[in-house]
Amino acid sequence: MAAGSAAGDSAAAATAGDSTAGDSTAGDSAAGDSAAGAEDLVLGLLNEVSRLADEIRKSNLIELHRVLAEQTRRALEDPVLLEAMSRFQDLPEDRRRQYLFVNAQY
């Protein structure tokens, strides 16, 4: 039995040796998982920031169109503003209003 016990001890020692080697590998793996998790988090945050920047850009463009439409509406109502907004100074006022109206439609 001593021989069987010695074989069992050497197998246990080999397993224990593998366990400590596995612990260092597990530690490296955990560090790698942590770095990969951090990288995934950063990439996710960058994607979200990019999406928000696009949304803000679109929102600003919508607001710009709203402001231009409001200015055009005011210019159509006020002859003084019509003079300032219209580039066609040699055209009659009615024709300039028509051009501004058509421009506002498109």
PDB file of N, CA and C in Angstrom:
ATOM      1  N   MET A   1       0.793  -1.182   0.000  1.00  0.00           N
ATOM      2  CA  MET A   1       0.000   0.000   0.000  1.00  0.00           C
ATOM      3  C   MET A   1       0.832   1.240   0.000  1.00  0.00           C
ATOM      4  N   ALA A   2       2.025   1.118   0.461  1.00  0.00           N
ATOM      5  CA  ALA A   2       2.878   2.291   0.494  1.00  0.00           C
ATOM      6  C   ALA A   2       3.162   2.771  -0.903  1.00  0.00           C
ATOM      7  N   ALA A   3       3.281   1.823  -1.827  1.00  0.00           N
ATOM      8  CA  ALA A   3       3.535   2.225  -3.201  1.00  0.00           C
ATOM      9  C   ALA A   3       2.317   2.926  -3.774  1.00  0.00           C
ATOM     10  N   GLY A   4       1.128   2.416  -3.457  1.00  0.00           N
ATOM     11  CA  GLY A   4      -0.105   3.051  -3.931  1.00  0.00           C
ATOM     12  C   GLY A   4      -0.273   4.428  -3.319  1.00  0.00           C
ATOM     13  N   SER A   5       0.115   4.532  -2.058  1.00  0.00           N
ATOM     14  CA  SER A   5       0.018   5.808  -1.375  1.00  0.00           C
ATOM     15  C   SER A   5       1.001   6.798  -1.960  1.00  0.00           C
ATOM     16  N   ALA A   6       2.180   6.353  -2.306  1.00  0.00           N
ATOM     17  CA  ALA A   6       3.181   7.232  -2.903  1.00  0.00           C
ATOM     18  C   ALA A   6       2.723   7.700  -4.268  1.00  0.00           C
ATOM     19  N   ALA A   7       2.088   6.813  -5.015  1.00  0.00           N
ATOM     20  CA  ALA A   7       1.592   7.201  -6.329  1.00  0.00           C
ATOM     21  C   ALA A   7       0.474   8.223  -6.181  1.00  0.00           C
ATOM     22  N   GLY A   8      -0.371   8.019  -5.185  1.00  0.00           N
ATOM     23  CA  GLY A   8      -1.459   8.966  -4.934  1.00  0.00           C
ATOM     24  C   GLY A   8      -0.919  10.318  -4.504  1.00  0.00           C
ATOM     25  N   ASP A   9       0.158  10.288  -3.670  1.00  0.00           N
ATOM     26  CA  ASP A   9       0.769  11.536  -3.221  1.00  0.00           C
ATOM     27  C   ASP A   9       1.385  12.293  -4.389  1.00  0.00           C
ATOM     28  N   SER A  10       2.045  11.549  -5.285  1.00  0.00           N
ATOM     29  CA  SER A  10       2.669  12.233  -6.416  1.00  0.00           C
ATOM     30  C   SER A  10       1.603  12.790  -7.363  1.00  0.00           C
ATOM     31  N   ALA A  11       0.479  12.092  -7.498  1.00  0.00           N
ATOM     32  CA  ALA A  11      -0.613  12.603  -8.330  1.00  0.00           C
ATOM     33  C   ALA A  11      -1.219  13.840  -7.688  1.00  0.00           C
ATOM     34  N   ALA A  12      -1.354  13.820  -6.362  1.00  0.00           N
ATOM     35  CA  ALA A  12      -1.893  14.973  -5.651  1.00  0.00           C
ATOM     36  C   ALA A  12      -0.938  16.150  -5.778  1.00  0.00           C
ATOM     37  N   ALA A  13       0.367  15.873  -5.697  1.00  0.00           N
ATOM     38  CA  ALA A  13       1.364  16.929  -5.828  1.00  0.00           C
ATOM     39  C   ALA A  13       1.318  17.512  -7.230  1.00  0.00           C
ATOM     40  N   ALA A  14       1.161  16.667  -8.218  1.00  0.00           N
ATOM     41  CA  ALA A  14       1.082  17.147  -9.600  1.00  0.00           C
ATOM     42  C   ALA A  14      -0.163  18.001  -9.787  1.00  0.00           C
ATOM     43  N   THR A  15      -1.273  17.577  -9.183  1.00  0.00           N
ATOM     44  CA  THR A  15      -2.507  18.350  -9.285  1.00  0.00           C
ATOM     45  C   THR A  15      -2.349  19.680  -8.569  1.00  0.00           C
ATOM     46  N   ALA A  16      -1.709  19.661  -7.410  1.00  0.00           N
ATOM     47  CA  ALA A  16      -1.482  20.896  -6.672  1.00  0.00           C
ATOM     48  C   ALA A  16      -0.574  21.820  -7.467  1.00  0.00           C
ATOM     49  N   GLY A  17       0.430  21.246  -8.134  1.00  0.00           N
ATOM     50  CA  GLY A  17       1.312  22.059  -8.969  1.00  0.00           C
ATOM     51  C   GLY A  17       0.545  22.669 -10.130  1.00  0.00           C
ATOM     52  N   ASP A  18      -0.343  21.882 -10.708  1.00  0.00           N
ATOM     53  CA  ASP A  18      -1.171  22.411 -11.796  1.00  0.00           C
ATOM     54  C   ASP A  18      -2.102  23.499 -11.277  1.00  0.00           C
ATOM     55  N   SER A  19      -2.565  23.335 -10.057  1.00  0.00           N
ATOM     56  CA  SER A  19      -3.491  24.294  -9.478  1.00  0.00           C
ATOM     57  C   SER A  19      -2.823  25.646  -9.305  1.00  0.00           C
ATOM     58  N   THR A  20      -1.583  25.645  -8.821  1.00  0.00           N
ATOM     59  CA  THR A  20      -0.893  26.919  -8.646  1.00  0.00           C
ATOM     60  C   THR A  20      -0.555  27.520  -9.995  1.00  0.00           C
ATOM     61  N   ALA A  21      -0.215  26.686 -10.938  1.00  0.00           N
ATOM     62  CA  ALA A  21       0.037  27.201 -12.286  1.00  0.00           C
ATOM     63  C   ALA A  21      -1.258  27.737 -12.856  1.00  0.00           C
ATOM     64  N   GLY A  22      -2.358  27.049 -12.573  1.00  0.00           N
ATOM     65  CA  GLY A  22      -3.663  27.488 -13.041  1.00  0.00           C
ATOM     66  C   GLY A  22      -4.071  28.794 -12.389  1.00  0.00           C
ATOM     67  N   ASP A  23      -3.657  28.986 -11.112  1.00  0.00           N
ATOM     68  CA  ASP A  23      -3.994  30.230 -10.431  1.00  0.00           C
ATOM     69  C   ASP A  23      -3.334  31.414 -11.106  1.00  0.00           C
ATOM     70  N   SER A  24      -2.094  31.280 -11.531  1.00  0.00           N
ATOM     71  CA  SER A  24      -1.432  32.400 -12.205  1.00  0.00           C
ATOM     72  C   SER A  24      -2.067  32.635 -13.569  1.00  0.00           C
ATOM     73  N   THR A  25      -2.453  31.555 -14.223  1.00  0.00           N
ATOM     74  CA  THR A  25      -3.146  31.699 -15.492  1.00  0.00           C
ATOM     75  C   THR A  25      -4.523  32.303 -15.270  1.00  0.00           C
ATOM     76  N   ALA A  26      -5.192  31.890 -14.214  1.00  0.00           N
ATOM     77  CA  ALA A  26      -6.500  32.439 -13.892  1.00  0.00           C
ATOM     78  C   ALA A  26      -6.371  33.927 -13.564  1.00  0.00           C
ATOM     79  N   GLY A  27      -5.303  34.288 -12.863  1.00  0.00           N
ATOM     80  CA  GLY A  27      -5.064  35.692 -12.555  1.00  0.00           C
ATOM     81  C   GLY A  27      -4.833  36.495 -13.823  1.00  0.00           C
ATOM     82  N   ASP A  28      -4.046  35.927 -14.735  1.00  0.00           N
ATOM     83  CA  ASP A  28      -3.812  36.593 -16.019  1.00  0.00           C
ATOM     84  C   ASP A  28      -5.108  36.683 -16.801  1.00  0.00           C
ATOM     85  N   SER A  29      -5.896  35.618 -16.733  1.00  0.00           N
ATOM     86  CA  SER A  29      -7.176  35.590 -17.444  1.00  0.00           C
ATOM     87  C   SER A  29      -8.128  36.623 -16.857  1.00  0.00           C
ATOM     88  N   ALA A  30      -8.137  36.734 -15.530  1.00  0.00           N
ATOM     89  CA  ALA A  30      -9.010  37.715 -14.881  1.00  0.00           C
ATOM     90  C   ALA A  30      -8.590  39.130 -15.267  1.00  0.00           C
ATOM     91  N   ALA A  31      -7.294  39.377 -15.316  1.00  0.00           N
ATOM     92  CA  ALA A  31      -6.804  40.692 -15.721  1.00  0.00           C
ATOM     93  C   ALA A  31      -7.172  40.963 -17.172  1.00  0.00           C
ATOM     94  N   GLY A  32      -7.072  39.926 -18.007  1.00  0.00           N
ATOM     95  CA  GLY A  32      -7.449  40.070 -19.408  1.00  0.00           C
ATOM     96  C   GLY A  32      -8.934  40.323 -19.561  1.00  0.00           C
ATOM     97  N   ASP A  33      -9.744  39.610 -18.758  1.00  0.00           N
ATOM     98  CA  ASP A  33     -11.192  39.816 -18.794  1.00  0.00           C
ATOM     99  C   ASP A  33     -11.548  41.223 -18.335  1.00  0.00           C
ATOM    100  N   SER A  34     -10.831  41.698 -17.308  1.00  0.00           N
ATOM    101  CA  SER A  34     -11.069  43.040 -16.791  1.00  0.00           C
ATOM    102  C   SER A  34     -10.714  44.086 -17.847  1.00  0.00           C
ATOM    103  N   ALA A  35      -9.594  43.887 -18.525  1.00  0.00           N
ATOM    104  CA  ALA A  35      -9.179  44.833 -19.567  1.00  0.00           C
ATOM    105  C   ALA A  35     -10.162  44.789 -20.732  1.00  0.00           C
ATOM    106  N   ALA A  36     -10.612  43.598 -21.103  1.00  0.00           N
ATOM    107  CA  ALA A  36     -11.575  43.477 -22.195  1.00  0.00           C
ATOM    108  C   ALA A  36     -12.897  44.110 -21.796  1.00  0.00           C
ATOM    109  N   GLY A  37     -13.291  43.934 -20.532  1.00  0.00           N
ATOM    110  CA  GLY A  37     -14.531  44.553 -20.046  1.00  0.00           C
ATOM    111  C   GLY A  37     -14.433  46.071 -20.064  1.00  0.00           C
ATOM    112  N   ALA A  38     -13.279  46.590 -19.659  1.00  0.00           N
ATOM    113  CA  ALA A  38     -13.069  48.038 -19.671  1.00  0.00           C
ATOM    114  C   ALA A  38     -13.077  48.561 -21.104  1.00  0.00           C
ATOM    115  N   GLU A  39     -12.461  47.800 -22.014  1.00  0.00           N
ATOM    116  CA  GLU A  39     -12.438  48.206 -23.417  1.00  0.00           C
ATOM    117  C   GLU A  39     -13.855  48.216 -23.999  1.00  0.00           C
ATOM    118  N   ASP A  40     -14.635  47.185 -23.654  1.00  0.00           N
ATOM    119  CA  ASP A  40     -16.026  47.126 -24.116  1.00  0.00           C
ATOM    120  C   ASP A  40     -16.828  48.298 -23.562  1.00  0.00           C
ATOM    121  N   LEU A  41     -16.577  48.636 -22.302  1.00  0.00           N
ATOM    122  CA  LEU A  41     -17.267  49.757 -21.683  1.00  0.00           C
ATOM    123  C   LEU A  41     -16.923  51.065 -22.391  1.00  0.00           C
ATOM    124  N   VAL A  42     -15.644  51.273 -22.664  1.00  0.00           N
ATOM    125  CA  VAL A  42     -15.202  52.495 -23.344  1.00  0.00           C
ATOM    126  C   VAL A  42     -15.797  52.559 -24.750  1.00  0.00           C
ATOM    127  N   LEU A  43     -15.784  51.439 -25.460  1.00  0.00           N
ATOM    128  CA  LEU A  43     -16.364  51.424 -26.807  1.00  0.00           C
ATOM    129  C   LEU A  43     -17.865  51.705 -26.768  1.00  0.00           C
ATOM    130  N   GLY A  44     -18.536  51.147 -25.778  1.00  0.00           N
ATOM    131  CA  GLY A  44     -19.960  51.413 -25.617  1.00  0.00           C
ATOM    132  C   GLY A  44     -20.226  52.882 -25.333  1.00  0.00           C
ATOM    133  N   LEU A  45     -19.410  53.470 -24.466  1.00  0.00           N
ATOM    134  CA  LEU A  45     -19.560  54.895 -24.158  1.00  0.00           C
ATOM    135  C   LEU A  45     -19.269  55.759 -25.373  1.00  0.00           C
ATOM    136  N   LEU A  46     -18.248  55.410 -26.140  1.00  0.00           N
ATOM    137  CA  LEU A  46     -17.945  56.171 -27.359  1.00  0.00           C
ATOM    138  C   LEU A  46     -19.080  56.088 -28.367  1.00  0.00           C
ATOM    139  N   ASN A  47     -19.669  54.914 -28.503  1.00  0.00           N
ATOM    140  CA  ASN A  47     -20.809  54.771 -29.410  1.00  0.00           C
ATOM    141  C   ASN A  47     -21.984  55.623 -28.951  1.00  0.00           C
ATOM    142  N   GLU A  48     -22.226  55.649 -27.656  1.00  0.00           N
ATOM    143  CA  GLU A  48     -23.321  56.443 -27.117  1.00  0.00           C
ATOM    144  C   GLU A  48     -23.066  57.940 -27.313  1.00  0.00           C
ATOM    145  N   VAL A  49     -21.837  58.382 -27.072  1.00  0.00           N
ATOM    146  CA  VAL A  49     -21.490  59.791 -27.277  1.00  0.00           C
ATOM    147  C   VAL A  49     -21.649  60.161 -28.749  1.00  0.00           C
ATOM    148  N   SER A  50     -21.224  59.284 -29.629  1.00  0.00           N
ATOM    149  CA  SER A  50     -21.368  59.531 -31.062  1.00  0.00           C
ATOM    150  C   SER A  50     -22.838  59.623 -31.456  1.00  0.00           C
ATOM    151  N   ARG A  51     -23.660  58.732 -30.911  1.00  0.00           N
ATOM    152  CA  ARG A  51     -25.088  58.762 -31.209  1.00  0.00           C
ATOM    153  C   ARG A  51     -25.725  60.048 -30.688  1.00  0.00           C
ATOM    154  N   LEU A  52     -25.345  60.469 -29.496  1.00  0.00           N
ATOM    155  CA  LEU A  52     -25.876  61.709 -28.935  1.00  0.00           C
ATOM    156  C   LEU A  52     -25.429  62.923 -29.739  1.00  0.00           C
ATOM    157  N   ALA A  53     -24.177  62.914 -30.208  1.00  0.00           N
ATOM    158  CA  ALA A  53     -23.688  64.019 -31.031  1.00  0.00           C
ATOM    159  C   ALA A  53     -24.481  64.110 -32.332  1.00  0.00           C
ATOM    160  N   ASP A  54     -24.780  62.979 -32.947  1.00  0.00           N
ATOM    161  CA  ASP A  54     -25.598  62.971 -34.160  1.00  0.00           C
ATOM    162  C   ASP A  54     -26.999  63.498 -33.872  1.00  0.00           C
ATOM    163  N   GLU A  55     -27.556  63.092 -32.747  1.00  0.00           N
ATOM    164  CA  GLU A  55     -28.900  63.550 -32.383  1.00  0.00           C
ATOM    165  C   GLU A  55     -28.916  65.059 -32.148  1.00  0.00           C
ATOM    166  N   ILE A  56     -27.888  65.587 -31.493  1.00  0.00           N
ATOM    167  CA  ILE A  56     -27.796  67.026 -31.250  1.00  0.00           C
ATOM    168  C   ILE A  56     -27.625  67.774 -32.562  1.00  0.00           C
ATOM    169  N   ARG A  57     -26.795  67.237 -33.460  1.00  0.00           N
ATOM    170  CA  ARG A  57     -26.596  67.853 -34.763  1.00  0.00           C
ATOM    171  C   ARG A  57     -27.916  67.939 -35.539  1.00  0.00           C
ATOM    172  N   LYS A  58     -28.673  66.852 -35.528  1.00  0.00           N
ATOM    173  CA  LYS A  58     -29.969  66.842 -36.221  1.00  0.00           C
ATOM    174  C   LYS A  58     -30.941  67.815 -35.570  1.00  0.00           C
ATOM    175  N   SER A  59     -30.936  67.853 -34.250  1.00  0.00           N
ATOM    176  CA  SER A  59     -31.810  68.772 -33.523  1.00  0.00           C
ATOM    177  C   SER A  59     -31.467  70.224 -33.852  1.00  0.00           C
ATOM    178  N   ASN A  60     -30.184  70.527 -33.922  1.00  0.00           N
ATOM    179  CA  ASN A  60     -29.755  71.885 -34.277  1.00  0.00           C
ATOM    180  C   ASN A  60     -30.158  72.245 -35.696  1.00  0.00           C
ATOM    181  N   LEU A  61     -30.073  71.300 -36.604  1.00  0.00           N
ATOM    182  CA  LEU A  61     -30.482  71.543 -37.987  1.00  0.00           C
ATOM    183  C   LEU A  61     -31.981  71.815 -38.067  1.00  0.00           C
ATOM    184  N   ILE A  62     -32.767  71.057 -37.322  1.00  0.00           N
ATOM    185  CA  ILE A  62     -34.213  71.292 -37.280  1.00  0.00           C
ATOM    186  C   ILE A  62     -34.506  72.686 -36.737  1.00  0.00           C
ATOM    187  N   GLU A  63     -33.802  73.071 -35.689  1.00  0.00           N
ATOM    188  CA  GLU A  63     -34.003  74.399 -35.100  1.00  0.00           C
ATOM    189  C   GLU A  63     -33.607  75.499 -36.089  1.00  0.00           C
ATOM    190  N   LEU A  64     -32.534  75.303 -36.826  1.00  0.00           N
ATOM    191  CA  LEU A  64     -32.119  76.280 -37.835  1.00  0.00           C
ATOM    192  C   LEU A  64     -33.207  76.456 -38.889  1.00  0.00           C
ATOM    193  N   HIS A  65     -33.776  75.357 -39.356  1.00  0.00           N
ATOM    194  CA  HIS A  65     -34.856  75.442 -40.344  1.00  0.00           C
ATOM    195  C   HIS A  65     -36.078  76.155 -39.763  1.00  0.00           C
ATOM    196  N   ARG A  66     -36.356  75.904 -38.498  1.00  0.00           N
ATOM    197  CA  ARG A  66     -37.485  76.585 -37.860  1.00  0.00           C
ATOM    198  C   ARG A  66     -37.260  78.089 -37.788  1.00  0.00           C
ATOM    199  N   VAL A  67     -36.041  78.485 -37.436  1.00  0.00           N
ATOM    200  CA  VAL A  67     -35.708  79.912 -37.350  1.00  0.00           C
ATOM    201  C   VAL A  67     -35.794  80.561 -38.735  1.00  0.00           C
ATOM    202  N   LEU A  68     -35.260  79.897 -39.743  1.00  0.00           N
ATOM    203  CA  LEU A  68     -35.327  80.455 -41.100  1.00  0.00           C
ATOM    204  C   LEU A  68     -36.773  80.568 -41.589  1.00  0.00           C
ATOM    205  N   ALA A  69     -37.585  79.587 -41.275  1.00  0.00           N
ATOM    206  CA  ALA A  69     -39.002  79.648 -41.664  1.00  0.00           C
ATOM    207  C   ALA A  69     -39.698  80.811 -40.968  1.00  0.00           C
ATOM    208  N   GLU A  70     -39.394  81.030 -39.705  1.00  0.00           N
ATOM    209  CA  GLU A  70     -39.979  82.147 -38.968  1.00  0.00           C
ATOM    210  C   GLU A  70     -39.519  83.484 -39.545  1.00  0.00           C
ATOM    211  N   GLN A  71     -38.253  83.600 -39.888  1.00  0.00           N
ATOM    212  CA  GLN A  71     -37.752  84.839 -40.495  1.00  0.00           C
ATOM    213  C   GLN A  71     -38.407  85.090 -41.845  1.00  0.00           C
ATOM    214  N   THR A  72     -38.585  84.043 -42.613  1.00  0.00           N
ATOM    215  CA  THR A  72     -39.236  84.187 -43.914  1.00  0.00           C
ATOM    216  C   THR A  72     -40.689  84.621 -43.728  1.00  0.00           C
ATOM    217  N   ARG A  73     -41.375  84.027 -42.761  1.00  0.00           N
ATOM    218  CA  ARG A  73     -42.758  84.423 -42.490  1.00  0.00           C
ATOM    219  C   ARG A  73     -42.844  85.904 -42.124  1.00  0.00           C
ATOM    220  N   ARG A  74     -41.940  86.347 -41.281  1.00  0.00           N
ATOM    221  CA  ARG A  74     -41.932  87.769 -40.899  1.00  0.00           C
ATOM    222  C   ARG A  74     -41.614  88.671 -42.085  1.00  0.00           C
ATOM    223  N   ALA A  75     -40.689  88.234 -42.937  1.00  0.00           N
ATOM    224  CA  ALA A  75     -40.339  89.031 -44.110  1.00  0.00           C
ATOM    225  C   ALA A  75     -41.515  89.134 -45.078  1.00  0.00           C
ATOM    226  N   LEU A  76     -42.312  88.086 -45.167  1.00  0.00           N
ATOM    227  CA  LEU A  76     -43.483  88.132 -46.037  1.00  0.00           C
ATOM    228  C   LEU A  76     -44.542  89.091 -45.499  1.00  0.00           C
ATOM    229  N   GLU A  77     -44.568  89.285 -44.191  1.00  0.00           N
ATOM    230  CA  GLU A  77     -45.552  90.175 -43.570  1.00  0.00           C
ATOM    231  C   GLU A  77     -45.095  91.625 -43.521  1.00  0.00           C
ATOM    232  N   ASP A  78     -43.809  91.873 -43.482  1.00  0.00           N
ATOM    233  CA  ASP A  78     -43.277  93.227 -43.290  1.00  0.00           C
ATOM    234  C   ASP A  78     -42.441  93.645 -44.492  1.00  0.00           C
ATOM    235  N   PRO A  79     -42.832  94.719 -45.190  1.00  0.00           N
ATOM    236  CA  PRO A  79     -42.086  95.150 -46.384  1.00  0.00           C
ATOM    237  C   PRO A  79     -40.631  95.549 -46.091  1.00  0.00           C
ATOM    238  N   VAL A  80     -40.376  96.076 -44.892  1.00  0.00           N
ATOM    239  CA  VAL A  80     -39.007  96.469 -44.550  1.00  0.00           C
ATOM    240  C   VAL A  80     -38.118  95.231 -44.429  1.00  0.00           C
ATOM    241  N   LEU A  81     -38.624  94.204 -43.768  1.00  0.00           N
ATOM    242  CA  LEU A  81     -37.859  92.959 -43.656  1.00  0.00           C
ATOM    243  C   LEU A  81     -37.728  92.268 -45.012  1.00  0.00           C
ATOM    244  N   LEU A  82     -38.742  92.414 -45.845  1.00  0.00           N
ATOM    245  CA  LEU A  82     -38.681  91.837 -47.188  1.00  0.00           C
ATOM    246  C   LEU A  82     -37.507  92.440 -47.964  1.00  0.00           C
ATOM    247  N   GLU A  83     -37.331  93.745 -47.821  1.00  0.00           N
ATOM    248  CA  GLU A  83     -36.205  94.414 -48.482  1.00  0.00           C
ATOM    249  C   GLU A  83     -34.873  93.856 -48.004  1.00  0.00           C
ATOM    250  N   ALA A  84     -34.779  93.601 -46.723  1.00  0.00           N
ATOM    251  CA  ALA A  84     -33.522  93.111 -46.159  1.00  0.00           C
ATOM    252  C   ALA A  84     -33.255  91.656 -46.538  1.00  0.00           C
ATOM    253  N   MET A  85     -34.302  90.868 -46.664  1.00  0.00           N
ATOM    254  CA  MET A  85     -34.115  89.440 -46.894  1.00  0.00           C
ATOM    255  C   MET A  85     -34.013  89.087 -48.374  1.00  0.00           C
ATOM    256  N   SER A  86     -34.651  89.861 -49.216  1.00  0.00           N
ATOM    257  CA  SER A  86     -34.700  89.532 -50.636  1.00  0.00           C
ATOM    258  C   SER A  86     -33.444  90.016 -51.352  1.00  0.00           C
ATOM    259  N   ARG A  87     -32.917  89.171 -52.219  1.00  0.00           N
ATOM    260  CA  ARG A  87     -31.746  89.547 -53.020  1.00  0.00           C
ATOM    261  C   ARG A  87     -32.157  90.162 -54.359  1.00  0.00           C
ATOM    262  N   PHE A  88     -33.418  90.064 -54.685  1.00  0.00           N
ATOM    263  CA  PHE A  88     -33.898  90.534 -55.987  1.00  0.00           C
ATOM    264  C   PHE A  88     -34.460  91.949 -55.844  1.00  0.00           C
ATOM    265  N   GLN A  89     -33.594  92.924 -55.724  1.00  0.00           N
ATOM    266  CA  GLN A  89     -34.007  94.298 -55.474  1.00  0.00           C
ATOM    267  C   GLN A  89     -34.694  94.926 -56.692  1.00  0.00           C
ATOM    268  N   ASP A  90     -34.386  94.452 -57.887  1.00  0.00           N
ATOM    269  CA  ASP A  90     -34.962  95.047 -59.087  1.00  0.00           C
ATOM    270  C   ASP A  90     -36.349  94.493 -59.433  1.00  0.00           C
ATOM    271  N   LEU A  91     -36.836  93.517 -58.697  1.00  0.00           N
ATOM    272  CA  LEU A  91     -38.158  92.938 -58.932  1.00  0.00           C
ATOM    273  C   LEU A  91     -39.213  93.660 -58.105  1.00  0.00           C
ATOM    274  N   PRO A  92     -40.448  93.659 -58.582  1.00  0.00           N
ATOM    275  CA  PRO A  92     -41.528  94.253 -57.775  1.00  0.00           C
ATOM    276  C   PRO A  92     -41.728  93.482 -56.468  1.00  0.00           C
ATOM    277  N   GLU A  93     -42.300  94.154 -55.488  1.00  0.00           N
ATOM    278  CA  GLU A  93     -42.476  93.562 -54.165  1.00  0.00           C
ATOM    279  C   GLU A  93     -43.312  92.283 -54.220  1.00  0.00           C
ATOM    280  N   ASP A  94     -44.362  92.280 -55.022  1.00  0.00           N
ATOM    281  CA  ASP A  94     -45.204  91.078 -55.126  1.00  0.00           C
ATOM    282  C   ASP A  94     -44.403  89.877 -55.621  1.00  0.00           C
ATOM    283  N   ARG A  95     -43.553  90.113 -56.631  1.00  0.00           N
ATOM    284  CA  ARG A  95     -42.755  89.021 -57.189  1.00  0.00           C
ATOM    285  C   ARG A  95     -41.737  88.521 -56.158  1.00  0.00           C
ATOM    286  N   ARG A  96     -41.123  89.425 -55.389  1.00  0.00           N
ATOM    287  CA  ARG A  96     -40.179  89.018 -54.345  1.00  0.00           C
ATOM    288  C   ARG A  96     -40.881  88.196 -53.275  1.00  0.00           C
ATOM    289  N   ARG A  97     -42.093  88.585 -52.912  1.00  0.00           N
ATOM    290  CA  ARG A  97     -42.877  87.814 -51.943  1.00  0.00           C
ATOM    291  C   ARG A  97     -43.137  86.407 -52.475  1.00  0.00           C
ATOM    292  N   GLN A  98     -43.444  86.324 -53.754  1.00  0.00           N
ATOM    293  CA  GLN A  98     -43.679  85.018 -54.358  1.00  0.00           C
ATOM    294  C   GLN A  98     -42.428  84.145 -54.284  1.00  0.00           C
ATOM    295  N   TYR A  99     -41.290  84.734 -54.601  1.00  0.00           N
ATOM    296  CA  TYR A  99     -40.026  83.974 -54.533  1.00  0.00           C
ATOM    297  C   TYR A  99     -39.731  83.507 -53.110  1.00  0.00           C
ATOM    298  N   LEU A 100     -39.920  84.385 -52.141  1.00  0.00           N
ATOM    299  CA  LEU A 100     -39.689  84.007 -50.752  1.00  0.00           C
ATOM    300  C   LEU A 100     -40.659  82.913 -50.312  1.00  0.00           C
ATOM    301  N   PHE A 101     -41.909  83.019 -50.737  1.00  0.00           N
ATOM    302  CA  PHE A 101     -42.890  82.007 -50.380  1.00  0.00           C
ATOM    303  C   PHE A 101     -42.501  80.657 -50.959  1.00  0.00           C
ATOM    304  N   VAL A 102     -42.126  80.640 -52.220  1.00  0.00           N
ATOM    305  CA  VAL A 102     -41.721  79.385 -52.864  1.00  0.00           C
ATOM    306  C   VAL A 102     -40.471  78.828 -52.184  1.00  0.00           C
ATOM    307  N   ASN A 103     -39.521  79.686 -51.859  1.00  0.00           N
ATOM    308  CA  ASN A 103     -38.298  79.248 -51.175  1.00  0.00           C
ATOM    309  C   ASN A 103     -38.636  78.645 -49.814  1.00  0.00           C
ATOM    310  N   ALA A 104     -39.591  79.238 -49.110  1.00  0.00           N
ATOM    311  CA  ALA A 104     -39.989  78.713 -47.802  1.00  0.00           C
ATOM    312  C   ALA A 104     -40.649  77.337 -47.939  1.00  0.00           C
ATOM    313  N   GLN A 105     -41.287  77.087 -49.054  1.00  0.00           N
ATOM    314  CA  GLN A 105     -41.950  75.795 -49.263  1.00  0.00           C
ATOM    315  C   GLN A 105     -40.939  74.669 -49.475  1.00  0.00           C
ATOM    316  N   TYR A 106     -39.795  75.014 -50.009  1.00  0.00           N
ATOM    317  CA  TYR A 106     -38.788  73.993 -50.311  1.00  0.00           C
ATOM    318  C   TYR A 106     -37.617  74.150 -49.400  1.00  0.00           C
TER     319      TYR A 106
END
